[in-house]
Amino acid sequence: MRFEHADTIWRDFPELAPAVLYAEGIRPDVSVDARVAEFSATAAGRLEGSPEGELPEIQAWRRTFGRMGLKPTQYRCASESLLRRLRKEGSLPRIHPLIDLCNAVSVAYAIPVAVFDVEHVTDFLEVRHSRGDETYLTFSGETEHPAPGEVIFADGAGRAHARRWTNRQSGLSAVRDTTRSVLVVAEALHETAARDVARLVETLAGELDAVWGAASKTAVLTPSARRFSF
């Protein structure tokens, strides 16, 4: 399988810095409570200095959403939504150990982190503009069709595994108790994005090794090295 961004994404968003991680051996019978608390505390410390909307990582995504024709305060990137919840409620949702860990790392870095169960992805994942005929499965089981031109994560079967880029993932490839193999994608566009996404996936790789004993394959993608095979 492979993961990459389309030429038009690199053309329209040259400041993009993505990092990816592939791992096997995921299981639900582990505890990540201490790690979630540690990363959440890091995020809470940043929020004491300024609200999430003023963080450079979030401001960059707000500008990007605006360039895509989306109202940034209506459609938020995933990390902003999590930071907002953490600030208002003091905690993050608990779903699955891997998702809980990735959400906590996401808020600590203020960078969106997407996790896909690769058993539910056909052939590849490509971040590209929608044609308008792709199908997207919501978490409630409804089927939607992304608008033409919308940035999506598309697979070889014409299914969208995320809508509005980093706004909302699909229920189809969401991590569940039966998940064993995952692709993790972190994307940023702020000034130090390349350095920060590299640190983020390095952090996650260390956590996956410590918690699951899982060896990870990672990469930071660039316009000249844009494909990740796994």
C-alpha atoms as a PDB file:
ATOM      1  CA  MET A   1       0.000   0.000   0.000  1.00  0.00           C
ATOM      2  CA  ARG A   2       1.020   3.623  -0.297  1.00  0.00           C
ATOM      3  CA  PHE A   3       0.199   7.069   1.019  1.00  0.00           C
ATOM      4  CA  GLU A   4       0.838  10.373  -0.743  1.00  0.00           C
ATOM      5  CA  HIS A   5      -0.478  13.848  -1.518  1.00  0.00           C
ATOM      6  CA  ALA A   6      -1.583  14.797  -5.021  1.00  0.00           C
ATOM      7  CA  ASP A   7       0.460  17.252  -7.092  1.00  0.00           C
ATOM      8  CA  THR A   8      -2.243  19.887  -6.700  1.00  0.00           C
ATOM      9  CA  ILE A   9      -2.007  19.740  -2.897  1.00  0.00           C
ATOM     10  CA  TRP A  10       1.741  20.386  -2.964  1.00  0.00           C
ATOM     11  CA  ARG A  11       1.189  23.134  -5.536  1.00  0.00           C
ATOM     12  CA  ASP A  12      -1.544  24.911  -3.585  1.00  0.00           C
ATOM     13  CA  PHE A  13      -0.001  24.433  -0.124  1.00  0.00           C
ATOM     14  CA  PRO A  14       3.784  24.512  -0.562  1.00  0.00           C
ATOM     15  CA  GLU A  15       4.292  25.069   3.178  1.00  0.00           C
ATOM     16  CA  LEU A  16       2.785  21.625   3.939  1.00  0.00           C
ATOM     17  CA  ALA A  17       4.869  19.259   6.085  1.00  0.00           C
ATOM     18  CA  PRO A  18       3.411  15.741   6.524  1.00  0.00           C
ATOM     19  CA  ALA A  19       4.830  12.863   8.551  1.00  0.00           C
ATOM     20  CA  VAL A  20       3.571   9.288   8.519  1.00  0.00           C
ATOM     21  CA  LEU A  21       3.868   6.152  10.635  1.00  0.00           C
ATOM     22  CA  TYR A  22       2.853   2.557   9.951  1.00  0.00           C
ATOM     23  CA  ALA A  23       2.611  -0.020  12.742  1.00  0.00           C
ATOM     24  CA  GLU A  24       1.298  -3.530  13.285  1.00  0.00           C
ATOM     25  CA  GLY A  25       0.424  -5.461  16.427  1.00  0.00           C
ATOM     26  CA  ILE A  26      -2.115  -3.005  17.853  1.00  0.00           C
ATOM     27  CA  ARG A  27      -4.497  -4.406  20.464  1.00  0.00           C
ATOM     28  CA  PRO A  28      -6.994  -2.827  22.878  1.00  0.00           C
ATOM     29  CA  ASP A  29      -5.958  -4.526  26.149  1.00  0.00           C
ATOM     30  CA  VAL A  30      -3.334  -2.001  27.245  1.00  0.00           C
ATOM     31  CA  SER A  31      -3.339   1.082  29.481  1.00  0.00           C
ATOM     32  CA  VAL A  32      -2.175   4.484  28.285  1.00  0.00           C
ATOM     33  CA  ASP A  33      -3.606   6.502  31.170  1.00  0.00           C
ATOM     34  CA  ALA A  34      -0.280   7.824  32.454  1.00  0.00           C
ATOM     35  CA  ARG A  35       0.888   8.778  28.986  1.00  0.00           C
ATOM     36  CA  VAL A  36      -2.388  10.495  28.115  1.00  0.00           C
ATOM     37  CA  ALA A  37      -2.183  12.471  31.353  1.00  0.00           C
ATOM     38  CA  GLU A  38       1.399  13.550  30.607  1.00  0.00           C
ATOM     39  CA  PHE A  39       0.712  14.757  27.070  1.00  0.00           C
ATOM     40  CA  SER A  40      -2.557  16.395  28.126  1.00  0.00           C
ATOM     41  CA  ALA A  41      -0.706  18.290  30.855  1.00  0.00           C
ATOM     42  CA  THR A  42       1.736  19.600  28.255  1.00  0.00           C
ATOM     43  CA  ALA A  43      -1.168  20.861  26.169  1.00  0.00           C
ATOM     44  CA  ALA A  44      -2.904  22.379  29.195  1.00  0.00           C
ATOM     45  CA  GLY A  45       0.278  24.253  29.995  1.00  0.00           C
ATOM     46  CA  ARG A  46       0.314  25.787  26.525  1.00  0.00           C
ATOM     47  CA  LEU A  47      -3.347  26.740  26.858  1.00  0.00           C
ATOM     48  CA  GLU A  48      -2.598  28.625  30.074  1.00  0.00           C
ATOM     49  CA  GLY A  49      -0.489  31.019  28.012  1.00  0.00           C
ATOM     50  CA  SER A  50      -2.966  31.485  25.163  1.00  0.00           C
ATOM     51  CA  PRO A  51      -6.168  29.931  23.810  1.00  0.00           C
ATOM     52  CA  GLU A  52      -5.898  27.341  21.064  1.00  0.00           C
ATOM     53  CA  GLY A  53      -6.840  29.813  18.340  1.00  0.00           C
ATOM     54  CA  GLU A  54      -3.683  31.821  19.011  1.00  0.00           C
ATOM     55  CA  LEU A  55      -1.241  28.919  18.727  1.00  0.00           C
ATOM     56  CA  PRO A  56       0.842  29.150  15.521  1.00  0.00           C
ATOM     57  CA  GLU A  57       0.030  25.551  14.560  1.00  0.00           C
ATOM     58  CA  ILE A  58      -3.713  26.255  14.747  1.00  0.00           C
ATOM     59  CA  GLN A  59      -3.479  29.669  13.091  1.00  0.00           C
ATOM     60  CA  ALA A  60      -1.778  28.036  10.097  1.00  0.00           C
ATOM     61  CA  TRP A  61      -4.617  25.538   9.738  1.00  0.00           C
ATOM     62  CA  ARG A  62      -7.216  28.297  10.111  1.00  0.00           C
ATOM     63  CA  ARG A  63      -5.573  30.176   7.234  1.00  0.00           C
ATOM     64  CA  THR A  64      -5.552  26.978   5.191  1.00  0.00           C
ATOM     65  CA  PHE A  65      -9.226  26.310   5.843  1.00  0.00           C
ATOM     66  CA  GLY A  66      -9.963  29.879   4.806  1.00  0.00           C
ATOM     67  CA  ARG A  67      -8.083  29.349   1.543  1.00  0.00           C
ATOM     68  CA  MET A  68     -10.231  26.252   0.939  1.00  0.00           C
ATOM     69  CA  GLY A  69     -13.358  28.400   1.256  1.00  0.00           C
ATOM     70  CA  LEU A  70     -14.293  27.061   4.709  1.00  0.00           C
ATOM     71  CA  LYS A  71     -15.181  29.197   7.706  1.00  0.00           C
ATOM     72  CA  PRO A  72     -12.391  28.340  10.188  1.00  0.00           C
ATOM     73  CA  THR A  73     -14.579  28.662  13.277  1.00  0.00           C
ATOM     74  CA  GLN A  74     -17.259  26.422  11.739  1.00  0.00           C
ATOM     75  CA  TYR A  75     -14.928  23.719  10.449  1.00  0.00           C
ATOM     76  CA  ARG A  76     -11.949  23.232  12.737  1.00  0.00           C
ATOM     77  CA  CYS A  77      -8.946  21.003  12.220  1.00  0.00           C
ATOM     78  CA  ALA A  78      -8.937  17.966  14.505  1.00  0.00           C
ATOM     79  CA  SER A  79      -6.247  19.259  16.868  1.00  0.00           C
ATOM     80  CA  GLU A  80      -8.077  22.539  17.414  1.00  0.00           C
ATOM     81  CA  SER A  81     -11.296  20.692  18.256  1.00  0.00           C
ATOM     82  CA  LEU A  82      -9.452  18.519  20.782  1.00  0.00           C
ATOM     83  CA  LEU A  83      -7.649  21.491  22.330  1.00  0.00           C
ATOM     84  CA  ARG A  84     -10.929  23.361  22.605  1.00  0.00           C
ATOM     85  CA  ARG A  85     -12.498  20.410  24.415  1.00  0.00           C
ATOM     86  CA  LEU A  86      -9.499  20.087  26.718  1.00  0.00           C
ATOM     87  CA  ARG A  87      -9.677  23.778  27.600  1.00  0.00           C
ATOM     88  CA  LYS A  88     -13.426  23.721  28.255  1.00  0.00           C
ATOM     89  CA  GLU A  89     -13.840  20.293  29.888  1.00  0.00           C
ATOM     90  CA  GLY A  90     -10.373  19.566  31.231  1.00  0.00           C
ATOM     91  CA  SER A  91     -10.177  16.146  29.576  1.00  0.00           C
ATOM     92  CA  LEU A  92     -10.172  14.337  26.250  1.00  0.00           C
ATOM     93  CA  PRO A  93     -12.618  11.673  25.009  1.00  0.00           C
ATOM     94  CA  ARG A  94     -11.626   8.064  25.687  1.00  0.00           C
ATOM     95  CA  ILE A  95     -12.258   5.783  22.717  1.00  0.00           C
ATOM     96  CA  HIS A  96      -9.483   3.194  22.224  1.00  0.00           C
ATOM     97  CA  PRO A  97      -5.980   3.146  23.748  1.00  0.00           C
ATOM     98  CA  LEU A  98      -4.306   4.034  20.452  1.00  0.00           C
ATOM     99  CA  ILE A  99      -6.761   6.826  19.646  1.00  0.00           C
ATOM    100  CA  ASP A 100      -6.529   8.141  23.204  1.00  0.00           C
ATOM    101  CA  LEU A 101      -2.735   8.233  22.934  1.00  0.00           C
ATOM    102  CA  CYS A 102      -2.747   9.863  19.494  1.00  0.00           C
ATOM    103  CA  ASN A 103      -5.274  12.471  20.617  1.00  0.00           C
ATOM    104  CA  ALA A 104      -3.098  13.336  23.599  1.00  0.00           C
ATOM    105  CA  VAL A 105       0.014  13.622  21.422  1.00  0.00           C
ATOM    106  CA  SER A 106      -2.006  15.719  18.977  1.00  0.00           C
ATOM    107  CA  VAL A 107      -2.946  18.296  21.620  1.00  0.00           C
ATOM    108  CA  ALA A 108       0.584  18.344  23.049  1.00  0.00           C
ATOM    109  CA  TYR A 109       1.920  19.318  19.607  1.00  0.00           C
ATOM    110  CA  ALA A 110      -1.258  21.163  18.464  1.00  0.00           C
ATOM    111  CA  ILE A 111      -1.000  19.210  15.189  1.00  0.00           C
ATOM    112  CA  PRO A 112      -3.808  17.107  13.638  1.00  0.00           C
ATOM    113  CA  VAL A 113      -3.165  13.367  13.858  1.00  0.00           C
ATOM    114  CA  ALA A 114      -5.265  10.943  11.807  1.00  0.00           C
ATOM    115  CA  VAL A 115      -5.247   7.184  12.456  1.00  0.00           C
ATOM    116  CA  PHE A 116      -6.564   4.736   9.860  1.00  0.00           C
ATOM    117  CA  ASP A 117      -7.243   1.005  10.174  1.00  0.00           C
ATOM    118  CA  VAL A 118      -5.539  -0.085   6.954  1.00  0.00           C
ATOM    119  CA  GLU A 119      -7.630  -3.269   6.712  1.00  0.00           C
ATOM    120  CA  HIS A 120     -10.484  -0.991   5.637  1.00  0.00           C
ATOM    121  CA  VAL A 121      -8.474   0.963   3.059  1.00  0.00           C
ATOM    122  CA  THR A 122      -8.299  -0.238  -0.554  1.00  0.00           C
ATOM    123  CA  ASP A 123      -4.920  -0.104  -2.346  1.00  0.00           C
ATOM    124  CA  PHE A 124      -3.765   3.357  -1.217  1.00  0.00           C
ATOM    125  CA  LEU A 125      -4.608   6.631   0.504  1.00  0.00           C
ATOM    126  CA  GLU A 126      -4.150   9.885  -1.388  1.00  0.00           C
ATOM    127  CA  VAL A 127      -4.850  13.386  -0.123  1.00  0.00           C
ATOM    128  CA  ARG A 128      -6.461  15.082  -3.120  1.00  0.00           C
ATOM    129  CA  HIS A 129      -9.354  17.207  -4.276  1.00  0.00           C
ATOM    130  CA  SER A 130     -12.656  15.393  -4.533  1.00  0.00           C
ATOM    131  CA  ARG A 131     -14.318  14.698  -7.882  1.00  0.00           C
ATOM    132  CA  GLY A 132     -17.695  14.670  -6.137  1.00  0.00           C
ATOM    133  CA  ASP A 133     -18.509  10.999  -6.728  1.00  0.00           C
ATOM    134  CA  GLU A 134     -16.621   9.556  -3.750  1.00  0.00           C
ATOM    135  CA  THR A 135     -18.503   7.998  -0.828  1.00  0.00           C
ATOM    136  CA  TYR A 136     -17.932   8.892   2.807  1.00  0.00           C
ATOM    137  CA  LEU A 137     -19.327   6.863   5.710  1.00  0.00           C
ATOM    138  CA  THR A 138     -20.197   8.887   8.810  1.00  0.00           C
ATOM    139  CA  PHE A 139     -19.834   7.502  12.335  1.00  0.00           C
ATOM    140  CA  SER A 140     -23.627   7.284  12.501  1.00  0.00           C
ATOM    141  CA  GLY A 141     -23.710   5.049   9.417  1.00  0.00           C
ATOM    142  CA  GLU A 142     -24.911   7.567   6.846  1.00  0.00           C
ATOM    143  CA  THR A 143     -23.301   7.903   3.426  1.00  0.00           C
ATOM    144  CA  GLU A 144     -22.224  11.329   2.155  1.00  0.00           C
ATOM    145  CA  HIS A 145     -20.602  12.604  -1.027  1.00  0.00           C
ATOM    146  CA  PRO A 146     -17.887  15.244  -0.552  1.00  0.00           C
ATOM    147  CA  ALA A 147     -18.361  18.364  -2.651  1.00  0.00           C
ATOM    148  CA  PRO A 148     -16.253  18.606  -5.815  1.00  0.00           C
ATOM    149  CA  GLY A 149     -12.948  20.259  -5.003  1.00  0.00           C
ATOM    150  CA  GLU A 150     -13.050  19.416  -1.296  1.00  0.00           C
ATOM    151  CA  VAL A 151      -9.761  18.048   0.054  1.00  0.00           C
ATOM    152  CA  ILE A 152     -10.221  14.406   1.083  1.00  0.00           C
ATOM    153  CA  PHE A 153      -8.259  11.255   1.895  1.00  0.00           C
ATOM    154  CA  ALA A 154      -9.294   8.931  -0.955  1.00  0.00           C
ATOM    155  CA  ASP A 155      -8.557   5.245  -1.498  1.00  0.00           C
ATOM    156  CA  GLY A 156      -8.508   3.077  -4.614  1.00  0.00           C
ATOM    157  CA  ALA A 157     -12.206   2.240  -4.319  1.00  0.00           C
ATOM    158  CA  GLY A 158     -13.279   5.882  -4.452  1.00  0.00           C
ATOM    159  CA  ARG A 159     -14.036   6.090  -0.748  1.00  0.00           C
ATOM    160  CA  ALA A 160     -13.224   9.190   1.285  1.00  0.00           C
ATOM    161  CA  HIS A 161     -11.618   8.340   4.622  1.00  0.00           C
ATOM    162  CA  ALA A 162     -11.520  11.979   5.759  1.00  0.00           C
ATOM    163  CA  ARG A 163     -13.418  15.095   4.747  1.00  0.00           C
ATOM    164  CA  ARG A 164     -12.332  18.741   4.667  1.00  0.00           C
ATOM    165  CA  TRP A 165      -8.734  17.546   4.958  1.00  0.00           C
ATOM    166  CA  THR A 166      -8.105  17.431   8.723  1.00  0.00           C
ATOM    167  CA  ASN A 167     -11.644  18.201   9.868  1.00  0.00           C
ATOM    168  CA  ARG A 168     -13.436  14.853  10.094  1.00  0.00           C
ATOM    169  CA  GLN A 169     -12.474  11.197   9.596  1.00  0.00           C
ATOM    170  CA  SER A 170     -14.714   8.434   8.286  1.00  0.00           C
ATOM    171  CA  GLY A 171     -16.285   5.739  10.394  1.00  0.00           C
ATOM    172  CA  LEU A 172     -15.212   3.156   7.809  1.00  0.00           C
ATOM    173  CA  SER A 173     -11.516   3.057   8.708  1.00  0.00           C
ATOM    174  CA  ALA A 174     -11.816   4.203  12.318  1.00  0.00           C
ATOM    175  CA  VAL A 175      -9.769   2.285  14.872  1.00  0.00           C
ATOM    176  CA  ARG A 176     -11.770  -0.337  16.764  1.00  0.00           C
ATOM    177  CA  ASP A 177     -11.054  -3.294  19.064  1.00  0.00           C
ATOM    178  CA  THR A 178     -10.313  -5.543  16.066  1.00  0.00           C
ATOM    179  CA  THR A 179      -7.757  -3.126  14.588  1.00  0.00           C
ATOM    180  CA  ARG A 180      -4.265  -4.578  14.235  1.00  0.00           C
ATOM    181  CA  SER A 181      -2.481  -2.459  11.584  1.00  0.00           C
ATOM    182  CA  VAL A 182      -2.616   1.333  11.359  1.00  0.00           C
ATOM    183  CA  LEU A 183      -1.415   4.250   9.308  1.00  0.00           C
ATOM    184  CA  VAL A 184      -0.922   7.463  11.283  1.00  0.00           C
ATOM    185  CA  VAL A 185      -0.699  10.807   9.464  1.00  0.00           C
ATOM    186  CA  ALA A 186       0.341  14.138  11.008  1.00  0.00           C
ATOM    187  CA  GLU A 187       0.207  17.317   8.908  1.00  0.00           C
ATOM    188  CA  ALA A 188       1.210  20.882   9.695  1.00  0.00           C
ATOM    189  CA  LEU A 189       1.772  24.158   7.846  1.00  0.00           C
ATOM    190  CA  HIS A 190       3.304  26.538  10.413  1.00  0.00           C
ATOM    191  CA  GLU A 191       6.860  27.902  10.266  1.00  0.00           C
ATOM    192  CA  THR A 192       8.526  25.003  12.122  1.00  0.00           C
ATOM    193  CA  ALA A 193       6.164  22.346  10.762  1.00  0.00           C
ATOM    194  CA  ALA A 194       8.772  20.007   9.255  1.00  0.00           C
ATOM    195  CA  ARG A 195      10.734  19.825  12.494  1.00  0.00           C
ATOM    196  CA  ASP A 196       7.625  19.437  14.643  1.00  0.00           C
ATOM    197  CA  VAL A 197       5.936  16.643  12.656  1.00  0.00           C
ATOM    198  CA  ALA A 198       9.227  14.728  12.660  1.00  0.00           C
ATOM    199  CA  ARG A 199       9.371  15.016  16.461  1.00  0.00           C
ATOM    200  CA  LEU A 200       5.701  14.023  16.719  1.00  0.00           C
ATOM    201  CA  VAL A 201       6.053  10.748  14.803  1.00  0.00           C
ATOM    202  CA  GLU A 202       9.300   9.977  16.615  1.00  0.00           C
ATOM    203  CA  THR A 203       7.420  10.431  19.885  1.00  0.00           C
ATOM    204  CA  LEU A 204       4.580   8.183  18.709  1.00  0.00           C
ATOM    205  CA  ALA A 205       6.994   5.507  17.494  1.00  0.00           C
ATOM    206  CA  GLY A 206       8.571   5.433  20.946  1.00  0.00           C
ATOM    207  CA  GLU A 207       5.179   5.171  22.622  1.00  0.00           C
ATOM    208  CA  LEU A 208       4.034   2.356  20.331  1.00  0.00           C
ATOM    209  CA  ASP A 209       7.205   0.438  21.126  1.00  0.00           C
ATOM    210  CA  ALA A 210       6.815   1.007  24.873  1.00  0.00           C
ATOM    211  CA  VAL A 211       3.097   0.211  25.077  1.00  0.00           C
ATOM    212  CA  TRP A 212       2.507  -2.364  22.336  1.00  0.00           C
ATOM    213  CA  GLY A 213       6.022  -3.555  21.545  1.00  0.00           C
ATOM    214  CA  ALA A 214       5.246  -2.482  17.994  1.00  0.00           C
ATOM    215  CA  ALA A 215       7.990  -1.581  15.555  1.00  0.00           C
ATOM    216  CA  SER A 216       7.038   1.423  13.443  1.00  0.00           C
ATOM    217  CA  LYS A 217       8.028   2.582   9.993  1.00  0.00           C
ATOM    218  CA  THR A 218       8.081   6.383   9.747  1.00  0.00           C
ATOM    219  CA  ALA A 219       8.852   9.088   7.216  1.00  0.00           C
ATOM    220  CA  VAL A 220       8.626  12.836   6.746  1.00  0.00           C
ATOM    221  CA  LEU A 221       7.307  13.574   3.268  1.00  0.00           C
ATOM    222  CA  THR A 222       8.425  16.366   0.943  1.00  0.00           C
ATOM    223  CA  PRO A 223       7.575  17.413  -2.630  1.00  0.00           C
ATOM    224  CA  SER A 224      10.613  15.446  -3.836  1.00  0.00           C
ATOM    225  CA  ALA A 225       9.911  12.417  -1.611  1.00  0.00           C
ATOM    226  CA  ARG A 226       6.137  12.389  -1.384  1.00  0.00           C
ATOM    227  CA  ARG A 227       5.260   8.678  -1.368  1.00  0.00           C
ATOM    228  CA  PHE A 228       5.225   6.397   1.672  1.00  0.00           C
ATOM    229  CA  SER A 229       4.991   2.658   0.929  1.00  0.00           C
ATOM    230  CA  PHE A 230       4.001   0.217   3.644  1.00  0.00           C
END
